[in-house]
Amino acid sequence: MLMTIRFDGRVAIVTGAGAGLGRAHAHLLAAHGAKVVVNDPGGSVDGKGGDGAAADKVVAEITAAGGEAVANYASVSDREGAASIVQTAIDAFGKIDIVVNNAGILRDKSFVKMTLEEFEIVLNVHLLGTVYVTKAAWPHLLEQKYGRVVFTSSGSGLVGSYGQSNYGAAKTGMMGLMNNLKFEGAKSNIKVNMISPVAGTRMTEGIIEQKLFDLSKPEQVSPAVAWLSSEECDVNGEIVAAGAGYFTVLKLMKGKGHVVDPSHVATLEDFVNNKDKIFDLSEAKPYNSTLDDETKKFLGLM
């Protein structure tokens, strides 16, 4: 029996929803009953310029299909603008339940050629923009004891990509934010998870190979985002990779490692002599704690 997930009575924010992934997420959430704030300043891929046409078009599409949506044109990288996105949800629909942080820009260059300004502006949009919007929504989610927050990471950060040090740093920085917020929101039924998408959009045009680009429609990622945004979501602090109809969970792994005799201070020679054991991943497990119970036993702490 197929399960139908609905968002009736739920209010969602999707940032960067004027095109690509954000547009696909907004459409799917609205089609399943969510009231959606479509945020997009309407700028170019590098974040320059902008107008309200992109967000307005998506709102019109959702409305024409029988859904409910309103537009917001603020930049997530501006603190007041980010707060206004959440306020738009409160003013239009009375509350906020779901925050999908999707907005982003690119300023790709090799690290040696990249200016610090180009590095910072990408961090400001991707990482701090995610912080600002989530921070504005957080008190509302805590008060109502319910919320679903989705961050948008990237393989460019999780495994790396040439010429995207700014983008990759921002995308992986979200993992640290998620790993902490998952604890802070847990008692209030707030779940914070992350999507790592592969999608053919204007941001990836010319970056991923054409055959994969054509196969990787943004709509192929949205089912994972919608489930992470749903009441049925029963995971917290997870990274889901999605693209071209493929879905999987991603984990940081930790090898068994090696404990040097704790009765003396470890030396450089101790590290070198045990390097093969230290780098051995044959018994790797998900990384949930540096000093897990097994390691504590080795150290005589348990």
C-alpha atoms as a PDB file:
ATOM      1  CA  MET A   1       0.000   0.000   0.000  1.00  0.00           C
ATOM      2  CA  LEU A   2       1.431   3.347  -1.039  1.00  0.00           C
ATOM      3  CA  MET A   3       1.585   6.014   1.659  1.00  0.00           C
ATOM      4  CA  THR A   4       0.419   9.500   0.721  1.00  0.00           C
ATOM      5  CA  ILE A   5       2.152  12.261   2.642  1.00  0.00           C
ATOM      6  CA  ARG A   6       0.201  15.466   3.064  1.00  0.00           C
ATOM      7  CA  PHE A   7       1.116  18.927   4.368  1.00  0.00           C
ATOM      8  CA  ASP A   8      -2.389  20.249   4.958  1.00  0.00           C
ATOM      9  CA  GLY A   9      -2.252  22.989   7.584  1.00  0.00           C
ATOM     10  CA  ARG A  10       1.515  23.257   7.329  1.00  0.00           C
ATOM     11  CA  VAL A  11       3.398  26.386   6.267  1.00  0.00           C
ATOM     12  CA  ALA A  12       6.719  26.104   4.462  1.00  0.00           C
ATOM     13  CA  ILE A  13       9.450  28.541   3.491  1.00  0.00           C
ATOM     14  CA  VAL A  14      11.618  27.651   0.517  1.00  0.00           C
ATOM     15  CA  THR A  15      14.503  30.030  -0.108  1.00  0.00           C
ATOM     16  CA  GLY A  16      15.888  30.472  -3.589  1.00  0.00           C
ATOM     17  CA  ALA A  17      12.609  29.104  -4.939  1.00  0.00           C
ATOM     18  CA  GLY A  18      12.410  31.180  -8.113  1.00  0.00           C
ATOM     19  CA  ALA A  19      14.066  28.501 -10.247  1.00  0.00           C
ATOM     20  CA  GLY A  20      15.793  25.121 -10.219  1.00  0.00           C
ATOM     21  CA  LEU A  21      15.727  23.057  -7.055  1.00  0.00           C
ATOM     22  CA  GLY A  22      13.867  25.601  -4.954  1.00  0.00           C
ATOM     23  CA  ARG A  23      11.085  25.924  -7.500  1.00  0.00           C
ATOM     24  CA  ALA A  24      10.733  22.131  -7.658  1.00  0.00           C
ATOM     25  CA  HIS A  25      10.620  21.867  -3.849  1.00  0.00           C
ATOM     26  CA  ALA A  26       7.996  24.622  -3.583  1.00  0.00           C
ATOM     27  CA  HIS A  27       5.802  23.014  -6.226  1.00  0.00           C
ATOM     28  CA  LEU A  28       5.915  19.574  -4.621  1.00  0.00           C
ATOM     29  CA  LEU A  29       5.176  20.866  -1.113  1.00  0.00           C
ATOM     30  CA  ALA A  30       2.288  22.976  -2.412  1.00  0.00           C
ATOM     31  CA  ALA A  31       0.902  20.074  -4.463  1.00  0.00           C
ATOM     32  CA  HIS A  32       0.694  18.064  -1.247  1.00  0.00           C
ATOM     33  CA  GLY A  33      -1.150  20.765   0.653  1.00  0.00           C
ATOM     34  CA  ALA A  34       1.483  23.068   2.146  1.00  0.00           C
ATOM     35  CA  LYS A  35       1.137  26.831   2.106  1.00  0.00           C
ATOM     36  CA  VAL A  36       4.417  28.101   0.716  1.00  0.00           C
ATOM     37  CA  VAL A  37       6.492  31.254   1.005  1.00  0.00           C
ATOM     38  CA  VAL A  38       8.436  31.447  -2.251  1.00  0.00           C
ATOM     39  CA  ASN A  39      11.586  33.421  -1.511  1.00  0.00           C
ATOM     40  CA  ASP A  40      13.877  34.635  -4.269  1.00  0.00           C
ATOM     41  CA  PRO A  41      15.561  37.993  -4.894  1.00  0.00           C
ATOM     42  CA  GLY A  42      15.708  37.153  -8.604  1.00  0.00           C
ATOM     43  CA  GLY A  43      19.423  37.691  -9.103  1.00  0.00           C
ATOM     44  CA  SER A  44      21.855  36.009 -11.473  1.00  0.00           C
ATOM     45  CA  VAL A  45      23.817  32.872 -10.586  1.00  0.00           C
ATOM     46  CA  ASP A  46      26.586  35.028  -9.094  1.00  0.00           C
ATOM     47  CA  GLY A  47      24.063  36.916  -6.959  1.00  0.00           C
ATOM     48  CA  LYS A  48      24.082  40.165  -8.901  1.00  0.00           C
ATOM     49  CA  GLY A  49      20.987  42.136  -9.824  1.00  0.00           C
ATOM     50  CA  GLY A  50      17.485  40.957  -9.086  1.00  0.00           C
ATOM     51  CA  ASP A  51      13.772  41.606  -9.303  1.00  0.00           C
ATOM     52  CA  GLY A  52      10.590  39.955  -8.084  1.00  0.00           C
ATOM     53  CA  ALA A  53       9.662  38.300 -11.377  1.00  0.00           C
ATOM     54  CA  ALA A  54      11.115  34.879 -10.542  1.00  0.00           C
ATOM     55  CA  ALA A  55       9.298  34.493  -7.221  1.00  0.00           C
ATOM     56  CA  ASP A  56       6.086  35.969  -8.625  1.00  0.00           C
ATOM     57  CA  LYS A  57       6.106  33.480 -11.497  1.00  0.00           C
ATOM     58  CA  VAL A  58       6.391  30.489  -9.163  1.00  0.00           C
ATOM     59  CA  VAL A  59       3.636  31.848  -6.930  1.00  0.00           C
ATOM     60  CA  ALA A  60       1.420  32.252  -9.996  1.00  0.00           C
ATOM     61  CA  GLU A  61       2.189  28.674 -11.078  1.00  0.00           C
ATOM     62  CA  ILE A  62       1.320  27.270  -7.652  1.00  0.00           C
ATOM     63  CA  THR A  63      -1.858  29.339  -7.410  1.00  0.00           C
ATOM     64  CA  ALA A  64      -2.962  28.300 -10.902  1.00  0.00           C
ATOM     65  CA  ALA A  65      -2.541  24.665  -9.846  1.00  0.00           C
ATOM     66  CA  GLY A  66      -4.851  25.225  -6.867  1.00  0.00           C
ATOM     67  CA  GLY A  67      -2.226  25.748  -4.192  1.00  0.00           C
ATOM     68  CA  GLU A  68      -1.474  28.623  -1.826  1.00  0.00           C
ATOM     69  CA  ALA A  69       1.706  30.658  -1.986  1.00  0.00           C
ATOM     70  CA  VAL A  70       3.083  34.146  -1.421  1.00  0.00           C
ATOM     71  CA  ALA A  71       6.308  35.737  -2.583  1.00  0.00           C
ATOM     72  CA  ASN A  72       9.214  37.248  -0.686  1.00  0.00           C
ATOM     73  CA  TYR A  73      12.115  38.968  -2.449  1.00  0.00           C
ATOM     74  CA  ALA A  74      14.674  39.378   0.342  1.00  0.00           C
ATOM     75  CA  SER A  75      18.254  38.153   0.264  1.00  0.00           C
ATOM     76  CA  VAL A  76      19.002  35.504   2.886  1.00  0.00           C
ATOM     77  CA  SER A  77      22.459  37.029   3.345  1.00  0.00           C
ATOM     78  CA  ASP A  78      20.906  40.124   4.926  1.00  0.00           C
ATOM     79  CA  ARG A  79      19.837  39.628   8.553  1.00  0.00           C
ATOM     80  CA  GLU A  80      16.772  41.824   8.280  1.00  0.00           C
ATOM     81  CA  GLY A  81      15.915  40.333   4.922  1.00  0.00           C
ATOM     82  CA  ALA A  82      16.146  36.808   6.306  1.00  0.00           C
ATOM     83  CA  ALA A  83      13.904  37.745   9.218  1.00  0.00           C
ATOM     84  CA  SER A  84      11.400  39.231   6.770  1.00  0.00           C
ATOM     85  CA  ILE A  85      11.069  35.839   5.046  1.00  0.00           C
ATOM     86  CA  VAL A  86       9.841  34.271   8.271  1.00  0.00           C
ATOM     87  CA  GLN A  87       7.660  37.305   8.976  1.00  0.00           C
ATOM     88  CA  THR A  88       6.061  36.910   5.548  1.00  0.00           C
ATOM     89  CA  ALA A  89       4.986  33.392   6.567  1.00  0.00           C
ATOM     90  CA  ILE A  90       3.582  34.648   9.869  1.00  0.00           C
ATOM     91  CA  ASP A  91       1.731  37.554   8.254  1.00  0.00           C
ATOM     92  CA  ALA A  92       0.289  35.526   5.376  1.00  0.00           C
ATOM     93  CA  PHE A  93      -0.425  32.201   7.037  1.00  0.00           C
ATOM     94  CA  GLY A  94      -0.125  32.699  10.794  1.00  0.00           C
ATOM     95  CA  LYS A  95       2.808  30.410  11.506  1.00  0.00           C
ATOM     96  CA  ILE A  96       5.839  28.563  10.148  1.00  0.00           C
ATOM     97  CA  ASP A  97       6.410  24.790  10.253  1.00  0.00           C
ATOM     98  CA  ILE A  98       8.988  24.006   7.577  1.00  0.00           C
ATOM     99  CA  VAL A  99      12.161  25.789   6.526  1.00  0.00           C
ATOM    100  CA  VAL A 100      13.917  24.606   3.382  1.00  0.00           C
ATOM    101  CA  ASN A 101      17.217  26.488   3.086  1.00  0.00           C
ATOM    102  CA  ASN A 102      18.027  26.289  -0.610  1.00  0.00           C
ATOM    103  CA  ALA A 103      19.204  29.750  -1.712  1.00  0.00           C
ATOM    104  CA  GLY A 104      22.675  29.999  -3.172  1.00  0.00           C
ATOM    105  CA  ILE A 105      25.078  31.693  -5.560  1.00  0.00           C
ATOM    106  CA  LEU A 106      28.382  30.806  -7.191  1.00  0.00           C
ATOM    107  CA  ARG A 107      31.668  32.682  -7.480  1.00  0.00           C
ATOM    108  CA  ASP A 108      33.874  29.874  -8.791  1.00  0.00           C
ATOM    109  CA  LYS A 109      37.621  30.385  -9.097  1.00  0.00           C
ATOM    110  CA  SER A 110      40.724  28.533  -8.051  1.00  0.00           C
ATOM    111  CA  PHE A 111      41.724  29.442  -4.500  1.00  0.00           C
ATOM    112  CA  VAL A 112      44.828  31.323  -5.626  1.00  0.00           C
ATOM    113  CA  LYS A 113      42.758  33.575  -7.916  1.00  0.00           C
ATOM    114  CA  MET A 114      39.766  33.991  -5.613  1.00  0.00           C
ATOM    115  CA  THR A 115      39.517  37.241  -3.675  1.00  0.00           C
ATOM    116  CA  LEU A 116      38.534  37.167  -0.030  1.00  0.00           C
ATOM    117  CA  GLU A 117      35.461  39.168  -0.979  1.00  0.00           C
ATOM    118  CA  GLU A 118      34.438  36.397  -3.398  1.00  0.00           C
ATOM    119  CA  PHE A 119      34.995  33.843  -0.670  1.00  0.00           C
ATOM    120  CA  GLU A 120      33.010  35.779   1.901  1.00  0.00           C
ATOM    121  CA  ILE A 121      29.998  36.559  -0.257  1.00  0.00           C
ATOM    122  CA  VAL A 122      29.437  32.869  -0.988  1.00  0.00           C
ATOM    123  CA  LEU A 123      29.719  32.043   2.724  1.00  0.00           C
ATOM    124  CA  ASN A 124      27.324  34.889   3.489  1.00  0.00           C
ATOM    125  CA  VAL A 125      24.629  33.531   1.180  1.00  0.00           C
ATOM    126  CA  HIS A 126      24.976  29.786   1.706  1.00  0.00           C
ATOM    127  CA  LEU A 127      26.130  29.377   5.292  1.00  0.00           C
ATOM    128  CA  LEU A 128      25.164  32.601   7.072  1.00  0.00           C
ATOM    129  CA  GLY A 129      21.981  32.863   5.001  1.00  0.00           C
ATOM    130  CA  THR A 130      21.013  29.434   6.312  1.00  0.00           C
ATOM    131  CA  VAL A 131      21.866  30.581   9.825  1.00  0.00           C
ATOM    132  CA  TYR A 132      19.869  33.820   9.529  1.00  0.00           C
ATOM    133  CA  VAL A 133      16.684  32.244   8.180  1.00  0.00           C
ATOM    134  CA  THR A 134      16.800  29.293  10.565  1.00  0.00           C
ATOM    135  CA  LYS A 135      17.552  31.598  13.507  1.00  0.00           C
ATOM    136  CA  ALA A 136      14.513  33.744  12.678  1.00  0.00           C
ATOM    137  CA  ALA A 137      12.259  30.691  12.465  1.00  0.00           C
ATOM    138  CA  TRP A 138      13.702  28.832  15.454  1.00  0.00           C
ATOM    139  CA  PRO A 139      11.756  30.564  18.281  1.00  0.00           C
ATOM    140  CA  HIS A 140       8.471  29.884  16.472  1.00  0.00           C
ATOM    141  CA  LEU A 141       9.338  26.217  16.042  1.00  0.00           C
ATOM    142  CA  LEU A 142      10.358  25.868  19.695  1.00  0.00           C
ATOM    143  CA  GLU A 143       7.193  27.560  20.909  1.00  0.00           C
ATOM    144  CA  GLN A 144       4.876  25.311  18.927  1.00  0.00           C
ATOM    145  CA  LYS A 145       7.039  22.242  19.652  1.00  0.00           C
ATOM    146  CA  TYR A 146       7.205  21.231  16.025  1.00  0.00           C
ATOM    147  CA  GLY A 147       9.396  21.961  13.054  1.00  0.00           C
ATOM    148  CA  ARG A 148      11.235  20.536  10.098  1.00  0.00           C
ATOM    149  CA  VAL A 149      14.409  22.231   8.847  1.00  0.00           C
ATOM    150  CA  VAL A 150      16.308  21.177   5.735  1.00  0.00           C
ATOM    151  CA  PHE A 151      19.771  22.432   4.806  1.00  0.00           C
ATOM    152  CA  THR A 152      21.204  22.119   1.298  1.00  0.00           C
ATOM    153  CA  SER A 153      24.751  20.785   1.176  1.00  0.00           C
ATOM    154  CA  SER A 154      26.757  19.650  -1.844  1.00  0.00           C
ATOM    155  CA  GLY A 155      29.260  17.063  -2.931  1.00  0.00           C
ATOM    156  CA  SER A 156      31.505  20.054  -3.660  1.00  0.00           C
ATOM    157  CA  GLY A 157      31.953  20.361   0.074  1.00  0.00           C
ATOM    158  CA  LEU A 158      31.525  16.792   1.238  1.00  0.00           C
ATOM    159  CA  VAL A 159      34.033  15.341  -1.228  1.00  0.00           C
ATOM    160  CA  GLY A 160      35.414  18.421  -3.026  1.00  0.00           C
ATOM    161  CA  SER A 161      35.377  20.090  -6.431  1.00  0.00           C
ATOM    162  CA  TYR A 162      38.039  22.116  -8.220  1.00  0.00           C
ATOM    163  CA  GLY A 163      37.516  25.880  -8.059  1.00  0.00           C
ATOM    164  CA  GLN A 164      34.788  25.834  -5.410  1.00  0.00           C
ATOM    165  CA  SER A 165      36.628  26.285  -2.118  1.00  0.00           C
ATOM    166  CA  ASN A 166      34.235  29.041  -1.023  1.00  0.00           C
ATOM    167  CA  TYR A 167      31.127  27.071  -2.006  1.00  0.00           C
ATOM    168  CA  GLY A 168      32.464  23.820  -0.549  1.00  0.00           C
ATOM    169  CA  ALA A 169      33.421  25.439   2.760  1.00  0.00           C
ATOM    170  CA  ALA A 170      29.959  26.956   3.083  1.00  0.00           C
ATOM    171  CA  LYS A 171      28.185  23.736   2.204  1.00  0.00           C
ATOM    172  CA  THR A 172      30.138  21.617   4.658  1.00  0.00           C
ATOM    173  CA  GLY A 173      29.868  24.274   7.366  1.00  0.00           C
ATOM    174  CA  MET A 174      26.138  23.538   7.394  1.00  0.00           C
ATOM    175  CA  MET A 175      26.911  20.035   8.638  1.00  0.00           C
ATOM    176  CA  GLY A 176      28.368  21.432  11.846  1.00  0.00           C
ATOM    177  CA  LEU A 177      25.311  23.628  12.303  1.00  0.00           C
ATOM    178  CA  MET A 178      22.988  20.678  11.739  1.00  0.00           C
ATOM    179  CA  ASN A 179      24.903  18.412  14.105  1.00  0.00           C
ATOM    180  CA  ASN A 180      24.385  20.876  16.931  1.00  0.00           C
ATOM    181  CA  LEU A 181      20.821  21.999  16.201  1.00  0.00           C
ATOM    182  CA  LYS A 182      19.621  18.396  16.044  1.00  0.00           C
ATOM    183  CA  PHE A 183      20.239  18.207  19.793  1.00  0.00           C
ATOM    184  CA  GLU A 184      18.787  21.613  20.623  1.00  0.00           C
ATOM    185  CA  GLY A 185      15.533  20.977  18.763  1.00  0.00           C
ATOM    186  CA  ALA A 186      14.994  17.305  19.583  1.00  0.00           C
ATOM    187  CA  LYS A 187      12.861  17.797  22.717  1.00  0.00           C
ATOM    188  CA  SER A 188      10.591  20.136  20.769  1.00  0.00           C
ATOM    189  CA  ASN A 189      10.033  17.701  17.877  1.00  0.00           C
ATOM    190  CA  ILE A 190      12.202  19.799  15.573  1.00  0.00           C
ATOM    191  CA  LYS A 191      14.160  17.705  13.129  1.00  0.00           C
ATOM    192  CA  VAL A 192      17.107  19.190  11.241  1.00  0.00           C
ATOM    193  CA  ASN A 193      18.449  17.293   8.245  1.00  0.00           C
ATOM    194  CA  MET A 194      20.434  18.000   5.099  1.00  0.00           C
ATOM    195  CA  ILE A 195      20.104  17.223   1.409  1.00  0.00           C
ATOM    196  CA  SER A 196      23.088  16.833  -0.906  1.00  0.00           C
ATOM    197  CA  PRO A 197      21.593  17.167  -4.394  1.00  0.00           C
ATOM    198  CA  VAL A 198      22.775  16.492  -7.901  1.00  0.00           C
ATOM    199  CA  ALA A 199      20.601  18.490 -10.271  1.00  0.00           C
ATOM    200  CA  GLY A 200      20.763  20.051 -13.688  1.00  0.00           C
ATOM    201  CA  THR A 201      20.186  23.732 -12.949  1.00  0.00           C
ATOM    202  CA  ARG A 202      21.687  27.039 -14.039  1.00  0.00           C
ATOM    203  CA  MET A 203      24.162  26.694 -11.149  1.00  0.00           C
ATOM    204  CA  THR A 204      25.495  23.375 -12.418  1.00  0.00           C
ATOM    205  CA  GLU A 205      25.360  24.063 -16.140  1.00  0.00           C
ATOM    206  CA  GLY A 206      28.849  23.512 -17.516  1.00  0.00           C
ATOM    207  CA  ILE A 207      30.006  21.968 -14.220  1.00  0.00           C
ATOM    208  CA  ILE A 208      28.482  18.503 -14.455  1.00  0.00           C
ATOM    209  CA  GLU A 209      28.644  16.428 -17.628  1.00  0.00           C
ATOM    210  CA  GLN A 210      25.808  17.022 -20.101  1.00  0.00           C
ATOM    211  CA  LYS A 211      24.361  13.507 -19.988  1.00  0.00           C
ATOM    212  CA  LEU A 212      24.088  13.664 -16.194  1.00  0.00           C
ATOM    213  CA  PHE A 213      22.777  17.238 -16.418  1.00  0.00           C
ATOM    214  CA  ASP A 214      19.943  16.138 -18.708  1.00  0.00           C
ATOM    215  CA  LEU A 215      19.071  13.170 -16.512  1.00  0.00           C
ATOM    216  CA  SER A 216      19.189  15.072 -13.223  1.00  0.00           C
ATOM    217  CA  LYS A 217      15.985  17.084 -13.226  1.00  0.00           C
ATOM    218  CA  PRO A 218      15.507  19.182 -10.054  1.00  0.00           C
ATOM    219  CA  GLU A 219      12.206  17.364  -9.515  1.00  0.00           C
ATOM    220  CA  GLN A 220      14.247  14.184  -8.956  1.00  0.00           C
ATOM    221  CA  VAL A 221      15.594  15.649  -5.691  1.00  0.00           C
ATOM    222  CA  SER A 222      12.389  17.118  -4.269  1.00  0.00           C
ATOM    223  CA  PRO A 223      10.824  13.863  -2.974  1.00  0.00           C
ATOM    224  CA  ALA A 224      13.652  13.519  -0.457  1.00  0.00           C
ATOM    225  CA  VAL A 225      13.282  17.154   0.605  1.00  0.00           C
ATOM    226  CA  ALA A 226       9.514  16.760   0.977  1.00  0.00           C
ATOM    227  CA  TRP A 227       9.887  13.659   3.142  1.00  0.00           C
ATOM    228  CA  LEU A 228      12.492  15.365   5.337  1.00  0.00           C
ATOM    229  CA  SER A 229       9.971  18.208   5.679  1.00  0.00           C
ATOM    230  CA  SER A 230       7.079  15.954   6.684  1.00  0.00           C
ATOM    231  CA  GLU A 231       5.573  14.860   9.974  1.00  0.00           C
ATOM    232  CA  GLU A 232       6.493  11.311   8.956  1.00  0.00           C
ATOM    233  CA  CYS A 233      10.212  12.160   8.956  1.00  0.00           C
ATOM    234  CA  ASP A 234      11.711  10.073  11.748  1.00  0.00           C
ATOM    235  CA  VAL A 235      15.395  10.923  11.317  1.00  0.00           C
ATOM    236  CA  ASN A 236      17.408  13.788  12.761  1.00  0.00           C
ATOM    237  CA  GLY A 237      20.846  15.025  11.764  1.00  0.00           C
ATOM    238  CA  GLU A 238      21.063  12.941   8.594  1.00  0.00           C
ATOM    239  CA  ILE A 239      22.466  13.763   5.155  1.00  0.00           C
ATOM    240  CA  VAL A 240      20.516  12.414   2.198  1.00  0.00           C
ATOM    241  CA  ALA A 241      22.092  12.480  -1.257  1.00  0.00           C
ATOM    242  CA  ALA A 242      19.684  12.632  -4.183  1.00  0.00           C
ATOM    243  CA  GLY A 243      19.879  12.952  -7.930  1.00  0.00           C
ATOM    244  CA  ALA A 244      18.629  11.355 -11.156  1.00  0.00           C
ATOM    245  CA  GLY A 245      16.271   9.104  -9.184  1.00  0.00           C
ATOM    246  CA  TYR A 246      19.024   7.867  -6.861  1.00  0.00           C
ATOM    247  CA  PHE A 247      18.752   8.341  -3.094  1.00  0.00           C
ATOM    248  CA  THR A 248      21.133   7.326  -0.324  1.00  0.00           C
ATOM    249  CA  VAL A 249      22.224   8.353   3.147  1.00  0.00           C
ATOM    250  CA  LEU A 250      25.721   9.772   3.692  1.00  0.00           C
ATOM    251  CA  LYS A 251      27.726   9.244   6.873  1.00  0.00           C
ATOM    252  CA  LEU A 252      31.006  10.365   8.343  1.00  0.00           C
ATOM    253  CA  MET A 253      32.898   7.199   9.213  1.00  0.00           C
ATOM    254  CA  LYS A 254      35.483   6.468  11.888  1.00  0.00           C
ATOM    255  CA  GLY A 255      38.025   3.657  11.765  1.00  0.00           C
ATOM    256  CA  LYS A 256      38.688   1.392  14.735  1.00  0.00           C
ATOM    257  CA  GLY A 257      41.909   3.281  15.280  1.00  0.00           C
ATOM    258  CA  HIS A 258      44.717   2.455  17.671  1.00  0.00           C
ATOM    259  CA  VAL A 259      45.346   3.358  21.289  1.00  0.00           C
ATOM    260  CA  VAL A 260      48.929   4.029  22.297  1.00  0.00           C
ATOM    261  CA  ASP A 261      49.718   2.942  25.848  1.00  0.00           C
ATOM    262  CA  PRO A 262      48.056   5.764  27.833  1.00  0.00           C
ATOM    263  CA  SER A 263      50.601   5.402  30.631  1.00  0.00           C
ATOM    264  CA  HIS A 264      52.951   7.648  28.653  1.00  0.00           C
ATOM    265  CA  VAL A 265      52.536  10.651  26.371  1.00  0.00           C
ATOM    266  CA  ALA A 266      52.247   9.541  22.758  1.00  0.00           C
ATOM    267  CA  THR A 267      55.221  10.451  20.592  1.00  0.00           C
ATOM    268  CA  LEU A 268      55.651  11.179  16.916  1.00  0.00           C
ATOM    269  CA  GLU A 269      57.278   7.770  16.599  1.00  0.00           C
ATOM    270  CA  ASP A 270      54.186   6.152  18.147  1.00  0.00           C
ATOM    271  CA  PHE A 271      52.034   7.733  15.468  1.00  0.00           C
ATOM    272  CA  VAL A 272      54.347   6.753  12.601  1.00  0.00           C
ATOM    273  CA  ASN A 273      54.791   3.178  13.828  1.00  0.00           C
ATOM    274  CA  ASN A 274      51.016   2.695  14.046  1.00  0.00           C
ATOM    275  CA  LYS A 275      50.037   4.667  10.952  1.00  0.00           C
ATOM    276  CA  ASP A 276      48.626   1.639   9.128  1.00  0.00           C
ATOM    277  CA  LYS A 277      46.289   0.870  12.042  1.00  0.00           C
ATOM    278  CA  ILE A 278      45.300   4.526  12.390  1.00  0.00           C
ATOM    279  CA  PHE A 279      44.316   4.812   8.712  1.00  0.00           C
ATOM    280  CA  ASP A 280      42.705   1.366   8.480  1.00  0.00           C
ATOM    281  CA  LEU A 281      38.980   1.600   7.633  1.00  0.00           C
ATOM    282  CA  SER A 282      38.257  -2.122   7.417  1.00  0.00           C
ATOM    283  CA  GLU A 283      36.205  -1.937  10.636  1.00  0.00           C
ATOM    284  CA  ALA A 284      34.861   1.570  10.148  1.00  0.00           C
ATOM    285  CA  LYS A 285      31.579   2.578  11.775  1.00  0.00           C
ATOM    286  CA  PRO A 286      29.425   5.729  11.599  1.00  0.00           C
ATOM    287  CA  TYR A 287      31.160   8.581  13.404  1.00  0.00           C
ATOM    288  CA  ASN A 288      28.960   9.574  16.324  1.00  0.00           C
ATOM    289  CA  SER A 289      31.631  10.276  18.925  1.00  0.00           C
ATOM    290  CA  THR A 290      35.414  10.627  18.902  1.00  0.00           C
ATOM    291  CA  LEU A 291      35.871   8.768  22.193  1.00  0.00           C
ATOM    292  CA  ASP A 292      33.141   6.152  21.893  1.00  0.00           C
ATOM    293  CA  ASP A 293      32.570   3.426  24.499  1.00  0.00           C
ATOM    294  CA  GLU A 294      34.974   1.014  22.815  1.00  0.00           C
ATOM    295  CA  THR A 295      37.759   3.590  22.790  1.00  0.00           C
ATOM    296  CA  LYS A 296      37.067   4.519  26.404  1.00  0.00           C
ATOM    297  CA  LYS A 297      37.474   0.868  27.330  1.00  0.00           C
ATOM    298  CA  PHE A 298      40.858   0.832  25.590  1.00  0.00           C
ATOM    299  CA  LEU A 299      41.808   3.876  27.651  1.00  0.00           C
ATOM    300  CA  GLY A 300      40.625   2.299  30.878  1.00  0.00           C
ATOM    301  CA  LEU A 301      37.867   4.853  31.324  1.00  0.00           C
ATOM    302  CA  MET A 302      35.080   2.271  31.486  1.00  0.00           C
END
